[in-house]
C-alpha atoms as a PDB file:
ATOM      1  CA  MET A   1      65.204 164.751 127.342  1.00  0.00           C
ATOM      2  CA  VAL A   2      67.878 163.354 125.092  1.00  0.00           C
ATOM      3  CA  ASN A   3      71.034 165.365 124.720  1.00  0.00           C
ATOM      4  CA  ASN A   4      71.462 166.230 121.038  1.00  0.00           C
ATOM      5  CA  ARG A   5      75.195 165.734 121.323  1.00  0.00           C
ATOM      6  CA  CYS A   6      74.659 162.054 122.201  1.00  0.00           C
ATOM      7  CA  ARG A   7      72.138 161.437 119.438  1.00  0.00           C
ATOM      8  CA  VAL A   8      73.316 158.974 116.842  1.00  0.00           C
ATOM      9  CA  LYS A   9      73.111 160.447 113.387  1.00  0.00           C
ATOM     10  CA  GLY A  10      73.701 158.845 110.061  1.00  0.00           C
ATOM     11  CA  PRO A  11      74.614 155.212 109.135  1.00  0.00           C
ATOM     12  CA  VAL A  12      78.282 155.558 110.091  1.00  0.00           C
ATOM     13  CA  SER A  13      77.493 156.593 113.632  1.00  0.00           C
ATOM     14  CA  ARG A  14      74.980 153.789 114.004  1.00  0.00           C
ATOM     15  CA  TRP A  15      77.652 151.278 112.963  1.00  0.00           C
ATOM     16  CA  LEU A  16      80.068 152.715 115.496  1.00  0.00           C
ATOM     17  CA  LEU A  17      77.489 152.266 118.231  1.00  0.00           C
ATOM     18  CA  VAL A  18      76.765 148.710 117.179  1.00  0.00           C
ATOM     19  CA  GLY A  19      80.488 147.939 117.189  1.00  0.00           C
ATOM     20  CA  PHE A  20      80.884 149.439 120.632  1.00  0.00           C
ATOM     21  CA  LEU A  21      78.012 147.423 122.076  1.00  0.00           C
ATOM     22  CA  ALA A  22      79.292 144.255 120.411  1.00  0.00           C
ATOM     23  CA  THR A  23      82.750 144.798 121.862  1.00  0.00           C
ATOM     24  CA  VAL A  24      81.394 145.340 125.354  1.00  0.00           C
ATOM     25  CA  GLY A  25      79.117 142.346 125.048  1.00  0.00           C
ATOM     26  CA  CYS A  26      81.913 140.112 123.735  1.00  0.00           C
ATOM     27  CA  GLY A  27      84.217 141.191 126.543  1.00  0.00           C
ATOM     28  CA  LEU A  28      81.651 140.274 129.166  1.00  0.00           C
ATOM     29  CA  GLY A  29      80.657 137.098 127.368  1.00  0.00           C
ATOM     30  CA  CYS A  30      84.239 135.922 126.753  1.00  0.00           C
ATOM     31  CA  ARG A  31      85.100 136.407 130.404  1.00  0.00           C
ATOM     32  CA  ASP A  32      82.069 134.371 131.353  1.00  0.00           C
ATOM     33  CA  LEU A  33      83.049 131.655 128.853  1.00  0.00           C
ATOM     34  CA  SER A  34      86.617 131.539 130.173  1.00  0.00           C
ATOM     35  CA  ALA A  35      85.324 131.314 133.723  1.00  0.00           C
ATOM     36  CA  LYS A  36      83.030 128.443 132.731  1.00  0.00           C
ATOM     37  CA  ARG A  37      85.914 126.609 131.074  1.00  0.00           C
ATOM     38  CA  ALA A  38      88.151 127.118 134.120  1.00  0.00           C
ATOM     39  CA  SER A  39      85.327 125.940 136.340  1.00  0.00           C
ATOM     40  CA  LYS A  40      84.910 122.844 134.190  1.00  0.00           C
ATOM     41  CA  LYS A  41      88.626 122.033 134.486  1.00  0.00           C
ATOM     42  CA  ASP A  42      88.442 122.335 138.272  1.00  0.00           C
ATOM     43  CA  ALA A  43      85.348 120.150 138.519  1.00  0.00           C
ATOM     44  CA  VAL A  44      85.912 117.093 140.724  1.00  0.00           C
ATOM     45  CA  LEU A  45      85.343 113.697 139.107  1.00  0.00           C
ATOM     46  CA  ALA A  46      86.264 111.603 142.129  1.00  0.00           C
ATOM     47  CA  GLN A  47      87.380 112.108 145.717  1.00  0.00           C
ATOM     48  CA  VAL A  48      89.640 109.793 147.737  1.00  0.00           C
ATOM     49  CA  ASP A  49      89.821 111.233 151.244  1.00  0.00           C
ATOM     50  CA  GLU A  50      91.550 114.582 150.793  1.00  0.00           C
ATOM     51  CA  VAL A  51      92.689 113.880 147.230  1.00  0.00           C
ATOM     52  CA  ALA A  52      90.458 115.182 144.453  1.00  0.00           C
ATOM     53  CA  ILE A  53      90.704 113.915 140.872  1.00  0.00           C
ATOM     54  CA  THR A  54      89.657 116.824 138.681  1.00  0.00           C
ATOM     55  CA  VAL A  55      88.649 117.029 135.048  1.00  0.00           C
ATOM     56  CA  ALA A  56      91.970 118.721 134.289  1.00  0.00           C
ATOM     57  CA  GLU A  57      94.007 115.950 135.905  1.00  0.00           C
ATOM     58  CA  PHE A  58      91.887 113.256 134.248  1.00  0.00           C
ATOM     59  CA  GLU A  59      92.394 114.810 130.812  1.00  0.00           C
ATOM     60  CA  GLU A  60      96.113 115.260 131.417  1.00  0.00           C
ATOM     61  CA  ARG A  61      96.597 111.657 132.489  1.00  0.00           C
ATOM     62  CA  LEU A  62      94.461 110.325 129.649  1.00  0.00           C
ATOM     63  CA  ASN A  63      95.986 112.485 126.941  1.00  0.00           C
ATOM     64  CA  SER A  64      99.508 111.586 128.025  1.00  0.00           C
ATOM     65  CA  GLN A  65      98.873 108.055 126.769  1.00  0.00           C
ATOM     66  CA  SER A  66      99.775 106.999 123.248  1.00  0.00           C
ATOM     67  CA  PRO A  67      97.191 107.726 120.518  1.00  0.00           C
ATOM     68  CA  TYR A  68      96.432 104.007 120.306  1.00  0.00           C
ATOM     69  CA  VAL A  69      95.633 103.823 124.043  1.00  0.00           C
ATOM     70  CA  ARG A  70      93.634 107.067 124.005  1.00  0.00           C
ATOM     71  CA  ALA A  71      91.409 105.669 121.274  1.00  0.00           C
ATOM     72  CA  ARG A  72      90.254 102.944 123.654  1.00  0.00           C
ATOM     73  CA  TYR A  73      88.719 105.459 126.041  1.00  0.00           C
ATOM     74  CA  ALA A  74      86.428 107.379 123.712  1.00  0.00           C
ATOM     75  CA  THR A  75      83.197 105.958 125.190  1.00  0.00           C
ATOM     76  CA  LEU A  76      81.701 106.793 128.567  1.00  0.00           C
ATOM     77  CA  ASP A  77      82.124 103.238 129.872  1.00  0.00           C
ATOM     78  CA  HIS A  78      85.808 103.248 129.029  1.00  0.00           C
ATOM     79  CA  LYS A  79      86.235 106.695 130.578  1.00  0.00           C
ATOM     80  CA  LYS A  80      84.754 105.242 133.754  1.00  0.00           C
ATOM     81  CA  GLU A  81      87.247 102.397 133.529  1.00  0.00           C
ATOM     82  CA  PHE A  82      90.144 104.863 133.236  1.00  0.00           C
ATOM     83  CA  LEU A  83      88.791 106.912 136.159  1.00  0.00           C
ATOM     84  CA  ASP A  84      88.456 103.747 138.234  1.00  0.00           C
ATOM     85  CA  ASN A  85      92.114 103.021 137.603  1.00  0.00           C
ATOM     86  CA  LEU A  86      93.030 106.495 138.837  1.00  0.00           C
ATOM     87  CA  VAL A  87      90.914 105.945 141.937  1.00  0.00           C
ATOM     88  CA  LYS A  88      92.627 102.599 142.596  1.00  0.00           C
ATOM     89  CA  PHE A  89      95.984 104.344 142.271  1.00  0.00           C
ATOM     90  CA  GLU A  90      95.031 106.993 144.846  1.00  0.00           C
ATOM     91  CA  VAL A  91      93.484 104.375 147.170  1.00  0.00           C
ATOM     92  CA  LEU A  92      96.721 102.395 147.302  1.00  0.00           C
ATOM     93  CA  ALA A  93      98.777 105.583 147.610  1.00  0.00           C
ATOM     94  CA  ALA A  94      96.617 106.657 150.558  1.00  0.00           C
ATOM     95  CA  GLU A  95      97.120 103.309 152.264  1.00  0.00           C
ATOM     96  CA  ALA A  96     100.877 103.523 151.662  1.00  0.00           C
ATOM     97  CA  ARG A  97     100.916 106.955 153.314  1.00  0.00           C
ATOM     98  CA  ARG A  98      98.812 105.638 156.202  1.00  0.00           C
ATOM     99  CA  GLN A  99     101.467 102.970 156.789  1.00  0.00           C
ATOM    100  CA  GLY A 100     104.212 105.617 156.749  1.00  0.00           C
ATOM    101  CA  LEU A 101     105.799 104.455 153.508  1.00  0.00           C
ATOM    102  CA  ASP A 102     106.018 108.032 152.261  1.00  0.00           C
ATOM    103  CA  LYS A 103     108.825 108.400 154.816  1.00  0.00           C
ATOM    104  CA  ASP A 104     110.587 105.180 153.809  1.00  0.00           C
ATOM    105  CA  PRO A 105     114.207 105.992 152.756  1.00  0.00           C
ATOM    106  CA  GLU A 106     113.846 104.146 149.446  1.00  0.00           C
ATOM    107  CA  VAL A 107     110.648 106.043 148.626  1.00  0.00           C
ATOM    108  CA  VAL A 108     112.227 109.348 149.617  1.00  0.00           C
ATOM    109  CA  ARG A 109     115.225 108.642 147.382  1.00  0.00           C
ATOM    110  CA  ALA A 110     112.939 107.770 144.477  1.00  0.00           C
ATOM    111  CA  MET A 111     110.958 110.976 145.020  1.00  0.00           C
ATOM    112  CA  LYS A 112     114.178 112.995 145.101  1.00  0.00           C
ATOM    113  CA  GLN A 113     115.291 111.345 141.881  1.00  0.00           C
ATOM    114  CA  VAL A 114     112.060 112.310 140.140  1.00  0.00           C
ATOM    115  CA  MET A 115     112.364 115.860 141.454  1.00  0.00           C
ATOM    116  CA  ILE A 116     115.940 116.084 140.186  1.00  0.00           C
ATOM    117  CA  GLN A 117     114.895 114.816 136.764  1.00  0.00           C
ATOM    118  CA  LYS A 118     112.145 117.415 136.513  1.00  0.00           C
ATOM    119  CA  LEU A 119     114.459 120.157 137.773  1.00  0.00           C
ATOM    120  CA  LEU A 120     117.133 119.355 135.208  1.00  0.00           C
ATOM    121  CA  LYS A 121     114.517 119.014 132.500  1.00  0.00           C
ATOM    122  CA  GLN A 122     113.312 122.530 133.263  1.00  0.00           C
ATOM    123  CA  GLN A 123     116.825 123.954 133.373  1.00  0.00           C
ATOM    124  CA  ILE A 124     118.673 121.987 130.699  1.00  0.00           C
ATOM    125  CA  ASP A 125     116.194 120.741 128.120  1.00  0.00           C
ATOM    126  CA  ARG A 126     115.889 124.189 126.602  1.00  0.00           C
ATOM    127  CA  PHE A 127     119.243 123.478 124.950  1.00  0.00           C
ATOM    128  CA  LYS A 128     118.725 121.457 121.757  1.00  0.00           C
ATOM    129  CA  ALA A 129     121.145 119.700 119.441  1.00  0.00           C
ATOM    130  CA  GLU A 130     120.061 122.072 116.670  1.00  0.00           C
ATOM    131  CA  ASP A 131     121.477 124.951 118.719  1.00  0.00           C
ATOM    132  CA  ILE A 132     125.032 123.818 117.983  1.00  0.00           C
ATOM    133  CA  PRO A 133     126.410 126.014 115.154  1.00  0.00           C
ATOM    134  CA  ASP A 134     127.626 124.358 111.960  1.00  0.00           C
ATOM    135  CA  ALA A 135     130.949 126.142 112.485  1.00  0.00           C
ATOM    136  CA  ASP A 136     131.479 124.091 115.646  1.00  0.00           C
ATOM    137  CA  LEU A 137     130.900 120.879 113.687  1.00  0.00           C
ATOM    138  CA  GLN A 138     133.521 121.949 111.152  1.00  0.00           C
ATOM    139  CA  ALA A 139     135.997 122.866 113.878  1.00  0.00           C
ATOM    140  CA  TYR A 140     135.599 119.488 115.602  1.00  0.00           C
ATOM    141  CA  PHE A 141     135.917 117.632 112.299  1.00  0.00           C
ATOM    142  CA  ASP A 142     139.093 119.534 111.369  1.00  0.00           C
ATOM    143  CA  GLY A 143     140.619 118.907 114.789  1.00  0.00           C
ATOM    144  CA  HIS A 144     139.883 115.163 114.891  1.00  0.00           C
ATOM    145  CA  GLN A 145     140.885 113.945 111.461  1.00  0.00           C
ATOM    146  CA  ASP A 146     142.324 110.753 112.938  1.00  0.00           C
ATOM    147  CA  GLU A 147     138.784 109.708 113.944  1.00  0.00           C
ATOM    148  CA  TYR A 148     137.368 110.037 110.443  1.00  0.00           C
ATOM    149  CA  ASN A 149     140.358 109.496 108.163  1.00  0.00           C
ATOM    150  CA  ARG A 150     142.969 106.839 108.779  1.00  0.00           C
ATOM    151  CA  PRO A 151     145.227 104.629 106.637  1.00  0.00           C
ATOM    152  CA  PRO A 152     144.879 100.836 106.383  1.00  0.00           C
ATOM    153  CA  GLU A 153     145.902  99.008 109.544  1.00  0.00           C
ATOM    154  CA  VAL A 154     146.873  95.441 110.354  1.00  0.00           C
ATOM    155  CA  ARG A 155     147.080  93.463 113.540  1.00  0.00           C
ATOM    156  CA  ALA A 156     149.632  90.739 114.122  1.00  0.00           C
ATOM    157  CA  SER A 157     151.005  88.432 116.775  1.00  0.00           C
ATOM    158  CA  LEU A 158     154.739  88.020 117.346  1.00  0.00           C
ATOM    159  CA  ILE A 159     157.056  85.208 118.364  1.00  0.00           C
ATOM    160  CA  LEU A 160     160.610  86.444 118.966  1.00  0.00           C
ATOM    161  CA  VAL A 161     163.408  83.876 119.267  1.00  0.00           C
ATOM    162  CA  ALA A 162     167.190  84.061 119.480  1.00  0.00           C
ATOM    163  CA  ASP A 163     168.179  82.267 116.277  1.00  0.00           C
ATOM    164  CA  GLU A 164     166.912  81.324 112.843  1.00  0.00           C
ATOM    165  CA  ALA A 165     166.885  77.601 113.606  1.00  0.00           C
ATOM    166  CA  THR A 166     164.381  78.122 116.429  1.00  0.00           C
ATOM    167  CA  ALA A 167     162.284  80.386 114.199  1.00  0.00           C
ATOM    168  CA  ASN A 168     162.136  77.674 111.542  1.00  0.00           C
ATOM    169  CA  LYS A 169     161.167  75.166 114.233  1.00  0.00           C
ATOM    170  CA  VAL A 170     158.251  77.403 115.173  1.00  0.00           C
ATOM    171  CA  LEU A 171     157.224  77.681 111.512  1.00  0.00           C
ATOM    172  CA  ALA A 172     157.329  73.895 111.101  1.00  0.00           C
ATOM    173  CA  ASP A 173     154.924  73.437 114.007  1.00  0.00           C
ATOM    174  CA  PRO A 174     151.347  73.021 112.658  1.00  0.00           C
ATOM    175  CA  ARG A 175     150.042  75.092 115.570  1.00  0.00           C
ATOM    176  CA  SER A 176     151.491  78.207 113.945  1.00  0.00           C
ATOM    177  CA  ARG A 177     149.000  78.107 111.060  1.00  0.00           C
ATOM    178  CA  GLY A 178     145.248  78.499 110.671  1.00  0.00           C
ATOM    179  CA  ILE A 179     142.594  81.121 111.327  1.00  0.00           C
ATOM    180  CA  GLU A 180     142.331  80.107 114.977  1.00  0.00           C
ATOM    181  CA  ASN A 181     145.013  81.671 117.148  1.00  0.00           C
ATOM    182  CA  ALA A 182     145.032  79.362 120.182  1.00  0.00           C
ATOM    183  CA  GLY A 183     147.876  77.221 118.856  1.00  0.00           C
ATOM    184  CA  PHE A 184     149.994  80.247 117.994  1.00  0.00           C
ATOM    185  CA  ARG A 185     149.510  81.601 121.505  1.00  0.00           C
ATOM    186  CA  ASP A 186     150.777  78.304 122.884  1.00  0.00           C
ATOM    187  CA  LEU A 187     153.894  78.709 120.760  1.00  0.00           C
ATOM    188  CA  VAL A 188     154.295  82.271 122.077  1.00  0.00           C
ATOM    189  CA  THR A 189     154.251  80.938 125.627  1.00  0.00           C
ATOM    190  CA  GLN A 190     156.706  78.179 124.722  1.00  0.00           C
ATOM    191  CA  TYR A 191     159.238  80.056 122.601  1.00  0.00           C
ATOM    192  CA  SER A 192     158.934  83.856 122.602  1.00  0.00           C
ATOM    193  CA  THR A 193     161.612  85.870 124.414  1.00  0.00           C
ATOM    194  CA  ASP A 194     159.784  89.224 124.183  1.00  0.00           C
ATOM    195  CA  ALA A 195     158.370  89.683 127.678  1.00  0.00           C
ATOM    196  CA  GLU A 196     155.998  92.538 126.867  1.00  0.00           C
ATOM    197  CA  THR A 197     154.118  90.892 124.012  1.00  0.00           C
ATOM    198  CA  LYS A 198     154.363  87.451 125.605  1.00  0.00           C
ATOM    199  CA  GLU A 199     151.982  88.601 128.338  1.00  0.00           C
ATOM    200  CA  ARG A 200     149.454  89.428 125.589  1.00  0.00           C
ATOM    201  CA  GLY A 201     149.842  86.152 123.707  1.00  0.00           C
ATOM    202  CA  GLY A 202     152.160  87.897 121.235  1.00  0.00           C
ATOM    203  CA  ASP A 203     149.632  90.561 120.279  1.00  0.00           C
ATOM    204  CA  LEU A 204     151.104  93.692 118.650  1.00  0.00           C
ATOM    205  CA  ARG A 205     147.686  95.344 118.384  1.00  0.00           C
ATOM    206  CA  PHE A 206     146.728  97.400 115.325  1.00  0.00           C
ATOM    207  CA  PHE A 207     149.301  99.548 113.535  1.00  0.00           C
ATOM    208  CA  ASP A 208     149.661 101.261 110.167  1.00  0.00           C
ATOM    209  CA  ALA A 209     152.485 101.281 107.648  1.00  0.00           C
ATOM    210  CA  GLN A 210     153.920 104.485 109.151  1.00  0.00           C
ATOM    211  CA  ASN A 211     154.373 102.945 112.615  1.00  0.00           C
ATOM    212  CA  ARG A 212     157.684 103.940 114.243  1.00  0.00           C
ATOM    213  CA  GLU A 213     157.362 102.009 117.500  1.00  0.00           C
ATOM    214  CA  LEU A 214     157.964  98.622 115.898  1.00  0.00           C
ATOM    215  CA  PRO A 215     161.061  97.644 113.903  1.00  0.00           C
ATOM    216  CA  ALA A 216     160.665  98.596 110.260  1.00  0.00           C
ATOM    217  CA  GLU A 217     161.294  94.987 109.216  1.00  0.00           C
ATOM    218  CA  LEU A 218     158.280  93.804 111.251  1.00  0.00           C
ATOM    219  CA  VAL A 219     156.005  96.496 109.846  1.00  0.00           C
ATOM    220  CA  ALA A 220     157.000  95.730 106.263  1.00  0.00           C
ATOM    221  CA  ALA A 221     156.568  91.979 106.764  1.00  0.00           C
ATOM    222  CA  ALA A 222     153.143  92.399 108.385  1.00  0.00           C
ATOM    223  CA  PHE A 223     151.821  94.402 105.427  1.00  0.00           C
ATOM    224  CA  LYS A 224     153.002  91.712 103.012  1.00  0.00           C
ATOM    225  CA  LEU A 225     150.651  89.188 104.641  1.00  0.00           C
ATOM    226  CA  VAL A 226     147.410  88.969 102.675  1.00  0.00           C
ATOM    227  CA  ASN A 227     144.824  87.032 104.660  1.00  0.00           C
ATOM    228  CA  VAL A 228     144.028  86.741 108.354  1.00  0.00           C
ATOM    229  CA  GLY A 229     145.831  83.629 109.582  1.00  0.00           C
ATOM    230  CA  ASP A 230     148.811  83.998 107.224  1.00  0.00           C
ATOM    231  CA  VAL A 231     152.251  83.496 108.831  1.00  0.00           C
ATOM    232  CA  SER A 232     155.472  85.226 107.768  1.00  0.00           C
ATOM    233  CA  PRO A 233     158.828  83.542 107.217  1.00  0.00           C
ATOM    234  CA  ALA A 234     161.556  84.126 109.788  1.00  0.00           C
ATOM    235  CA  ILE A 235     162.385  87.872 109.950  1.00  0.00           C
ATOM    236  CA  LYS A 236     165.842  89.056 111.052  1.00  0.00           C
ATOM    237  CA  ILE A 237     165.640  92.005 113.445  1.00  0.00           C
ATOM    238  CA  GLY A 238     168.048  93.512 115.952  1.00  0.00           C
ATOM    239  CA  ARG A 239     167.126  91.209 118.852  1.00  0.00           C
ATOM    240  CA  GLY A 240     166.892  87.969 116.963  1.00  0.00           C
ATOM    241  CA  TYR A 241     164.406  86.388 114.592  1.00  0.00           C
ATOM    242  CA  ALA A 242     160.688  87.026 114.522  1.00  0.00           C
ATOM    243  CA  VAL A 243     157.662  85.116 113.250  1.00  0.00           C
ATOM    244  CA  LEU A 244     154.468  87.083 112.598  1.00  0.00           C
ATOM    245  CA  LYS A 245     150.884  85.924 112.220  1.00  0.00           C
ATOM    246  CA  LEU A 246     148.260  88.235 110.733  1.00  0.00           C
ATOM    247  CA  THR A 247     145.297  88.395 113.116  1.00  0.00           C
ATOM    248  CA  GLY A 248     143.300  91.390 111.888  1.00  0.00           C
ATOM    249  CA  GLN A 249     142.858  93.952 109.130  1.00  0.00           C
ATOM    250  CA  ARG A 250     141.230  97.360 108.903  1.00  0.00           C
ATOM    251  CA  ARG A 251     140.504  99.060 105.617  1.00  0.00           C
ATOM    252  CA  ALA A 252     141.395 102.709 105.104  1.00  0.00           C
ATOM    253  CA  LEU A 253     138.788 105.056 106.508  1.00  0.00           C
ATOM    254  CA  VAL A 254     137.933 108.222 104.571  1.00  0.00           C
ATOM    255  CA  ARG A 255     134.828 110.193 105.575  1.00  0.00           C
ATOM    256  CA  THR A 256     133.585 113.691 104.817  1.00  0.00           C
ATOM    257  CA  LEU A 257     131.923 116.183 107.144  1.00  0.00           C
ATOM    258  CA  PRO A 258     128.392 115.668 105.701  1.00  0.00           C
ATOM    259  CA  GLU A 259     128.757 111.943 106.393  1.00  0.00           C
ATOM    260  CA  VAL A 260     129.596 112.441 110.061  1.00  0.00           C
ATOM    261  CA  ALA A 261     127.860 115.746 110.830  1.00  0.00           C
ATOM    262  CA  GLN A 262     125.007 114.128 112.767  1.00  0.00           C
ATOM    263  CA  GLN A 263     127.443 111.973 114.713  1.00  0.00           C
ATOM    264  CA  ILE A 264     129.539 115.005 115.656  1.00  0.00           C
ATOM    265  CA  ARG A 265     126.436 117.032 116.514  1.00  0.00           C
ATOM    266  CA  ALA A 266     125.224 114.289 118.853  1.00  0.00           C
ATOM    267  CA  LYS A 267     128.642 114.059 120.530  1.00  0.00           C
ATOM    268  CA  LEU A 268     128.915 117.819 121.048  1.00  0.00           C
ATOM    269  CA  PHE A 269     125.335 117.955 122.274  1.00  0.00           C
ATOM    270  CA  ARG A 270     126.024 115.305 124.929  1.00  0.00           C
ATOM    271  CA  GLU A 271     129.201 117.044 126.044  1.00  0.00           C
ATOM    272  CA  ARG A 272     127.662 120.508 126.228  1.00  0.00           C
ATOM    273  CA  ARG A 273     124.503 119.275 127.884  1.00  0.00           C
ATOM    274  CA  GLN A 274     126.626 117.576 130.529  1.00  0.00           C
ATOM    275  CA  LYS A 275     128.587 120.792 131.027  1.00  0.00           C
ATOM    276  CA  LEU A 276     125.352 122.742 131.435  1.00  0.00           C
ATOM    277  CA  MET A 277     124.257 120.246 134.085  1.00  0.00           C
ATOM    278  CA  ASP A 278     127.600 120.442 135.870  1.00  0.00           C
ATOM    279  CA  ASP A 279     127.645 124.245 135.781  1.00  0.00           C
ATOM    280  CA  TYR A 280     124.077 124.397 137.073  1.00  0.00           C
ATOM    281  CA  GLU A 281     124.882 122.001 139.906  1.00  0.00           C
ATOM    282  CA  GLN A 282     127.906 124.086 140.860  1.00  0.00           C
ATOM    283  CA  SER A 283     125.838 127.278 140.866  1.00  0.00           C
ATOM    284  CA  VAL A 284     123.299 125.653 143.200  1.00  0.00           C
ATOM    285  CA  ARG A 285     126.048 124.204 145.375  1.00  0.00           C
ATOM    286  CA  LYS A 286     127.327 127.717 146.101  1.00  0.00           C
ATOM    287  CA  LYS A 287     123.972 128.580 147.683  1.00  0.00           C
ATOM    288  CA  LEU A 288     124.188 125.767 150.236  1.00  0.00           C
ATOM    289  CA  ARG A 289     126.327 124.997 153.259  1.00  0.00           C
ATOM    290  CA  ILE A 290     128.192 121.742 152.534  1.00  0.00           C
ATOM    291  CA  ALA A 291     130.620 119.939 154.854  1.00  0.00           C
ATOM    292  CA  ILE A 292     132.549 116.723 154.101  1.00  0.00           C
ATOM    293  CA  ASN A 293     133.928 114.591 156.942  1.00  0.00           C
ATOM    294  CA  ASP A 294     136.956 112.905 155.375  1.00  0.00           C
ATOM    295  CA  ALA A 295     137.944 111.225 158.641  1.00  0.00           C
ATOM    296  CA  GLN A 296     134.615 109.415 158.878  1.00  0.00           C
ATOM    297  CA  LEU A 297     134.691 108.656 155.159  1.00  0.00           C
ATOM    298  CA  ALA A 298     138.004 106.855 155.618  1.00  0.00           C
ATOM    299  CA  GLN A 299     136.356 104.581 158.196  1.00  0.00           C
ATOM    300  CA  VAL A 300     133.617 103.415 155.825  1.00  0.00           C
ATOM    301  CA  ARG A 301     133.909  99.665 155.279  1.00  0.00           C
ATOM    302  CA  VAL A 302     133.506  98.317 151.760  1.00  0.00           C
ATOM    303  CA  ASP A 303     132.503  94.643 151.561  1.00  0.00           C
ATOM    304  CA  LEU A 304     134.779  93.030 148.976  1.00  0.00           C
ATOM    305  CA  SER A 305     134.086  89.440 149.956  1.00  0.00           C
ATOM    306  CA  SER A 306     131.896  88.732 146.925  1.00  0.00           C
ATOM    307  CA  ALA A 307     134.558  90.106 144.559  1.00  0.00           C
ATOM    308  CA  ALA A 308     137.452  88.048 145.951  1.00  0.00           C
ATOM    309  CA  GLY A 309     137.024  85.233 143.435  1.00  0.00           C
ATOM    310  CA  ALA A 310     136.232  87.389 140.411  1.00  0.00           C
ATOM    311  CA  PRO A 311     137.924  86.072 137.255  1.00  0.00           C
ATOM    312  CA  ASP A 312     140.711  88.109 135.694  1.00  0.00           C
ATOM    313  CA  ASP A 313     138.465  88.964 132.747  1.00  0.00           C
ATOM    314  CA  LEU A 314     136.350  91.120 135.043  1.00  0.00           C
ATOM    315  CA  ARG A 315     139.349  93.089 136.253  1.00  0.00           C
ATOM    316  CA  PRO A 316     140.681  96.168 134.424  1.00  0.00           C
ATOM    317  CA  GLN A 317     143.117  95.192 131.700  1.00  0.00           C
ATOM    318  CA  LYS A 318     146.676  96.454 131.805  1.00  0.00           C
ATOM    319  CA  GLY A 319     147.924  98.741 129.061  1.00  0.00           C
ATOM    320  CA  THR A 320     145.936 100.858 126.675  1.00  0.00           C
ATOM    321  CA  GLY A 321     145.124  98.380 123.906  1.00  0.00           C
ATOM    322  CA  SER A 322     141.942  96.401 123.637  1.00  0.00           C
ATOM    323  CA  TYR A 323     141.854  92.740 122.791  1.00  0.00           C
ATOM    324  CA  HIS A 324     138.632  92.900 120.824  1.00  0.00           C
ATOM    325  CA  PRO A 325     138.361  96.339 119.194  1.00  0.00           C
ATOM    326  CA  ILE A 326     134.963  97.617 118.211  1.00  0.00           C
ATOM    327  CA  GLY A 327     134.257  98.230 114.557  1.00  0.00           C
ATOM    328  CA  GLN A 328     136.472  95.489 113.140  1.00  0.00           C
ATOM    329  CA  ASP A 329     135.909  95.349 109.379  1.00  0.00           C
ATOM    330  CA  VAL A 330     136.618  91.634 108.898  1.00  0.00           C
ATOM    331  CA  PRO A 331     136.650  88.579 111.174  1.00  0.00           C
ATOM    332  CA  GLN A 332     139.977  88.244 112.943  1.00  0.00           C
ATOM    333  CA  ALA A 333     141.958  85.704 114.869  1.00  0.00           C
ATOM    334  CA  SER A 334     141.940  88.018 117.869  1.00  0.00           C
ATOM    335  CA  PRO A 335     144.636  87.143 120.410  1.00  0.00           C
ATOM    336  CA  ALA A 336     143.483  86.493 123.944  1.00  0.00           C
ATOM    337  CA  ARG A 337     145.647  86.417 126.999  1.00  0.00           C
ATOM    338  CA  PRO A 338     147.313  83.096 127.813  1.00  0.00           C
ATOM    339  CA  SER A 339     145.280  80.895 130.145  1.00  0.00           C
ATOM    340  CA  ALA A 340     142.455  83.429 130.228  1.00  0.00           C
ATOM    341  CA  PRO A 341     139.102  81.592 130.270  1.00  0.00           C
ATOM    342  CA  VAL A 342     136.505  82.707 127.787  1.00  0.00           C
ATOM    343  CA  PRO A 343     133.592  84.004 129.866  1.00  0.00           C
ATOM    344  CA  ALA A 344     130.202  82.592 129.034  1.00  0.00           C
ATOM    345  CA  VAL A 345     127.666  85.081 127.834  1.00  0.00           C
ATOM    346  CA  LYS A 346     124.886  85.176 130.390  1.00  0.00           C
ATOM    347  CA  PRO A 347     121.472  86.695 129.769  1.00  0.00           C
ATOM    348  CA  PRO A 348     120.769  89.829 131.782  1.00  0.00           C
ATOM    349  CA  PRO A 349     118.794  89.273 134.981  1.00  0.00           C
ATOM    350  CA  PRO A 350     115.066  89.917 134.678  1.00  0.00           C
ATOM    351  CA  GLU A 351     114.054  93.416 135.624  1.00  0.00           C
ATOM    352  CA  LYS A 352     111.988  93.877 138.720  1.00  0.00           C
ATOM    353  CA  PRO A 353     108.504  95.055 137.895  1.00  0.00           C
ATOM    354  CA  SER A 354     108.189  98.741 138.634  1.00  0.00           C
ATOM    355  CA  VAL A 355     105.130 100.287 140.200  1.00  0.00           C
ATOM    356  CA  GLN A 356     103.482 102.442 137.555  1.00  0.00           C
ATOM    357  CA  PRO A 357     100.308 104.497 137.667  1.00  0.00           C
ATOM    358  CA  PRO A 358      97.352 102.464 136.417  1.00  0.00           C
ATOM    359  CA  ALA A 359      95.958 102.600 132.920  1.00  0.00           C
ATOM    360  CA  GLN A 360      99.342 102.337 131.208  1.00  0.00           C
ATOM    361  CA  LYS A 361      98.003  99.741 128.826  1.00  0.00           C
END
């Protein structure tokens, strides 16, 4: 006997019943479909001893290739080729483990490096350059105007002598003129009495018209020179007479925030990302027990035999100036140190081939 209270009456009730049955059926069917999909992902395509290559891993490895490479493996034969490459990879990895190479110090270090990269990627890569507020860009720009706005600058070399007659003798020497600066440096070595600049071949480095470190007469004379290679007449200063040669010029630099916003954003992003990494490392360090043996560290021997004959050009330069500044606007007769050989530009050594998983075509 059917209970009258459960009897479906009218079209609305029938639709409610249909909806209920459809919902129940979909729930059961969707769970079955999800289970089938999960089962498909876990299906084993190939087995190499204890290592199984599943559908999920195969798809992940294949789809991590570039679109151009993926297009090559659309057919069954090419899928087999890709799978064979994965099998070869696992075969060689198994043999390496059998020979104990998984415990080799170099392999362990490489594995640690990969783990560290993945760890930092998980912890740090959530921070993006776009997360830096525009207000921070403005604040950096306002606080570093000297990086983006500067007056014209010149660079000159100096010969300082005791009297005007010697200065005129220097000027009469043909080595004092020309775009090349080697001859002028020889005259610096021969005549100049200024010990500080003499060590640099007479180089005064770049300075602007407001410079207060150099005598005002030198600054004014340098800015009267028009072209790189021009030489001034004898200039009377407190310590004698000077001869200047113009060796470089920089135009005035005037830039707005929109012009340098991306550059500032990239700089702040690098700095803050590094700080995040440092802070994270420090937080992890506090969880561990760390001991440093300074006494043993002091006994560590560093082999310096191969560096004994290194040329001076490979050693740190004295002072704060650079001899070849980056971003020079025009060619310059850039002073080099006296007797310093010009190092030959050597091509970089060929990179050692790295072992990569197969199928990176």
